[in-house]
């Protein structure tokens, strides 16, 4: 795939699809190499889990379940921070462009 490292076998089909969307950007930036494959996979996984947590927060808020909304908000925040830190490594965050 044009110098793009293969995704790790532990990524599911949806994560591989996201890998294929983002990997060319990280390769172009020079940050995705065979040695950084697992770190890049960590970003892809964090992104998916962040989006799942967002949906859980919104669902809890729609039903007025503040307890669940608060709990899922903490999960959401954890994965957001993970995405933030790893996105910088791969040139995928706005501040990486500065």
C-alpha atoms as a PDB file:
ATOM      1  CA  UNK A   1       0.000   0.000   0.000  1.00  0.00           C
ATOM      2  CA  UNK A   2       2.470   2.683  -1.173  1.00  0.00           C
ATOM      3  CA  UNK A   3       4.825   2.487   1.811  1.00  0.00           C
ATOM      4  CA  UNK A   4       1.978   2.462   4.316  1.00  0.00           C
ATOM      5  CA  UNK A   5       2.557  -0.099   7.059  1.00  0.00           C
ATOM      6  CA  UNK A   6      -0.120  -2.742   7.409  1.00  0.00           C
ATOM      7  CA  UNK A   7      -2.475  -2.322  10.344  1.00  0.00           C
ATOM      8  CA  UNK A   8      -1.982  -4.691  13.274  1.00  0.00           C
ATOM      9  CA  UNK A   9      -3.991  -7.906  13.107  1.00  0.00           C
ATOM     10  CA  UNK A  10      -5.802  -7.046  16.342  1.00  0.00           C
ATOM     11  CA  UNK A  11      -7.746  -4.173  14.741  1.00  0.00           C
ATOM     12  CA  UNK A  12     -11.291  -5.027  13.700  1.00  0.00           C
ATOM     13  CA  UNK A  13     -12.704  -4.260  10.255  1.00  0.00           C
ATOM     14  CA  UNK A  14     -13.989  -0.789  11.188  1.00  0.00           C
ATOM     15  CA  UNK A  15     -10.669   0.181  12.724  1.00  0.00           C
ATOM     16  CA  UNK A  16      -8.800  -1.059   9.649  1.00  0.00           C
ATOM     17  CA  UNK A  17     -11.032   1.141   7.503  1.00  0.00           C
ATOM     18  CA  UNK A  18     -10.162   4.154   9.664  1.00  0.00           C
ATOM     19  CA  UNK A  19      -6.479   3.141   9.495  1.00  0.00           C
ATOM     20  CA  UNK A  20      -6.685   3.214   5.705  1.00  0.00           C
ATOM     21  CA  UNK A  21      -8.209   6.706   5.829  1.00  0.00           C
ATOM     22  CA  UNK A  22      -5.651   8.235   8.209  1.00  0.00           C
ATOM     23  CA  UNK A  23      -2.463   6.276   7.551  1.00  0.00           C
ATOM     24  CA  UNK A  24      -1.574   8.123   4.321  1.00  0.00           C
ATOM     25  CA  UNK A  25      -1.583  11.412   6.245  1.00  0.00           C
ATOM     26  CA  UNK A  26       0.705  10.049   8.955  1.00  0.00           C
ATOM     27  CA  UNK A  27       3.041   8.450   6.399  1.00  0.00           C
ATOM     28  CA  UNK A  28       3.229  11.726   4.491  1.00  0.00           C
ATOM     29  CA  UNK A  29       4.161  13.463   7.761  1.00  0.00           C
ATOM     30  CA  UNK A  30       6.891  10.876   8.243  1.00  0.00           C
ATOM     31  CA  UNK A  31       5.466   9.752  11.567  1.00  0.00           C
ATOM     32  CA  UNK A  32       3.916   6.386  10.677  1.00  0.00           C
ATOM     33  CA  UNK A  33       6.627   3.812  10.244  1.00  0.00           C
ATOM     34  CA  UNK A  34       6.858   0.095  11.008  1.00  0.00           C
ATOM     35  CA  UNK A  35       8.108   1.060  14.489  1.00  0.00           C
ATOM     36  CA  UNK A  36       5.136   3.303  15.273  1.00  0.00           C
ATOM     37  CA  UNK A  37       2.369   0.977  14.084  1.00  0.00           C
ATOM     38  CA  UNK A  38       1.118   0.115  17.578  1.00  0.00           C
ATOM     39  CA  UNK A  39       1.116   3.742  18.683  1.00  0.00           C
ATOM     40  CA  UNK A  40      -0.894   4.680  15.603  1.00  0.00           C
ATOM     41  CA  UNK A  41      -3.305   1.829  16.318  1.00  0.00           C
ATOM     42  CA  UNK A  42      -3.650   3.236  19.830  1.00  0.00           C
ATOM     43  CA  UNK A  43      -4.861   6.517  18.321  1.00  0.00           C
ATOM     44  CA  UNK A  44      -7.370   4.727  16.076  1.00  0.00           C
ATOM     45  CA  UNK A  45      -8.730   2.728  19.027  1.00  0.00           C
ATOM     46  CA  UNK A  46      -8.941   5.808  21.263  1.00  0.00           C
ATOM     47  CA  UNK A  47     -10.876   7.651  18.574  1.00  0.00           C
ATOM     48  CA  UNK A  48     -13.411   4.831  18.288  1.00  0.00           C
ATOM     49  CA  UNK A  49     -13.845   4.554  22.055  1.00  0.00           C
ATOM     50  CA  UNK A  50     -14.191   8.326  22.390  1.00  0.00           C
ATOM     51  CA  UNK A  51     -17.007   8.332  19.841  1.00  0.00           C
ATOM     52  CA  UNK A  52     -18.732   5.449  21.640  1.00  0.00           C
ATOM     53  CA  UNK A  53     -18.498   7.303  24.944  1.00  0.00           C
ATOM     54  CA  UNK A  54     -19.933  10.460  23.357  1.00  0.00           C
ATOM     55  CA  UNK A  55     -22.950   8.450  22.210  1.00  0.00           C
ATOM     56  CA  UNK A  56     -23.405   7.010  25.720  1.00  0.00           C
ATOM     57  CA  UNK A  57     -23.224  10.477  27.291  1.00  0.00           C
ATOM     58  CA  UNK A  58     -25.779  11.853  24.853  1.00  0.00           C
ATOM     59  CA  UNK A  59     -28.113   8.882  25.361  1.00  0.00           C
ATOM     60  CA  UNK A  60     -27.930   9.279  29.138  1.00  0.00           C
ATOM     61  CA  UNK A  61     -28.597  13.007  28.910  1.00  0.00           C
ATOM     62  CA  UNK A  62     -31.599  12.451  26.630  1.00  0.00           C
ATOM     63  CA  UNK A  63     -33.150  10.179  29.256  1.00  0.00           C
ATOM     64  CA  UNK A  64     -32.194  12.444  32.148  1.00  0.00           C
ATOM     65  CA  UNK A  65     -29.811   9.888  33.651  1.00  0.00           C
ATOM     66  CA  UNK A  66     -27.235  12.270  35.096  1.00  0.00           C
ATOM     67  CA  UNK A  67     -25.386   9.520  36.958  1.00  0.00           C
ATOM     68  CA  UNK A  68     -24.660   7.576  33.756  1.00  0.00           C
ATOM     69  CA  UNK A  69     -23.944  10.798  31.873  1.00  0.00           C
ATOM     70  CA  UNK A  70     -21.313  11.729  34.446  1.00  0.00           C
ATOM     71  CA  UNK A  71     -19.745   8.269  34.400  1.00  0.00           C
ATOM     72  CA  UNK A  72     -19.572   8.131  30.606  1.00  0.00           C
ATOM     73  CA  UNK A  73     -18.310  11.705  30.522  1.00  0.00           C
ATOM     74  CA  UNK A  74     -15.256  10.575  32.482  1.00  0.00           C
ATOM     75  CA  UNK A  75     -14.662   7.781  29.961  1.00  0.00           C
ATOM     76  CA  UNK A  76     -15.137  10.255  27.145  1.00  0.00           C
ATOM     77  CA  UNK A  77     -12.579  12.590  28.696  1.00  0.00           C
ATOM     78  CA  UNK A  78     -10.051   9.797  29.150  1.00  0.00           C
ATOM     79  CA  UNK A  79     -10.196   8.809  25.490  1.00  0.00           C
ATOM     80  CA  UNK A  80     -10.200  12.428  24.358  1.00  0.00           C
ATOM     81  CA  UNK A  81      -6.936  12.984  26.229  1.00  0.00           C
ATOM     82  CA  UNK A  82      -5.504   9.829  24.671  1.00  0.00           C
ATOM     83  CA  UNK A  83      -6.503  11.020  21.215  1.00  0.00           C
ATOM     84  CA  UNK A  84      -5.049  14.447  21.894  1.00  0.00           C
ATOM     85  CA  UNK A  85      -1.658  13.129  22.935  1.00  0.00           C
ATOM     86  CA  UNK A  86      -1.313  10.528  20.201  1.00  0.00           C
ATOM     87  CA  UNK A  87      -2.705  12.732  17.429  1.00  0.00           C
ATOM     88  CA  UNK A  88       0.193  15.129  17.944  1.00  0.00           C
ATOM     89  CA  UNK A  89       2.656  12.306  17.342  1.00  0.00           C
ATOM     90  CA  UNK A  90       1.171  11.644  13.929  1.00  0.00           C
ATOM     91  CA  UNK A  91       0.407  15.167  12.740  1.00  0.00           C
ATOM     92  CA  UNK A  92      -3.338  14.652  13.033  1.00  0.00           C
ATOM     93  CA  UNK A  93      -4.143  17.498  15.390  1.00  0.00           C
ATOM     94  CA  UNK A  94      -4.530  21.169  14.508  1.00  0.00           C
ATOM     95  CA  UNK A  95      -1.679  22.167  16.808  1.00  0.00           C
ATOM     96  CA  UNK A  96       0.608  19.652  15.063  1.00  0.00           C
ATOM     97  CA  UNK A  97       0.405  21.927  12.027  1.00  0.00           C
ATOM     98  CA  UNK A  98       1.860  24.913  13.902  1.00  0.00           C
END
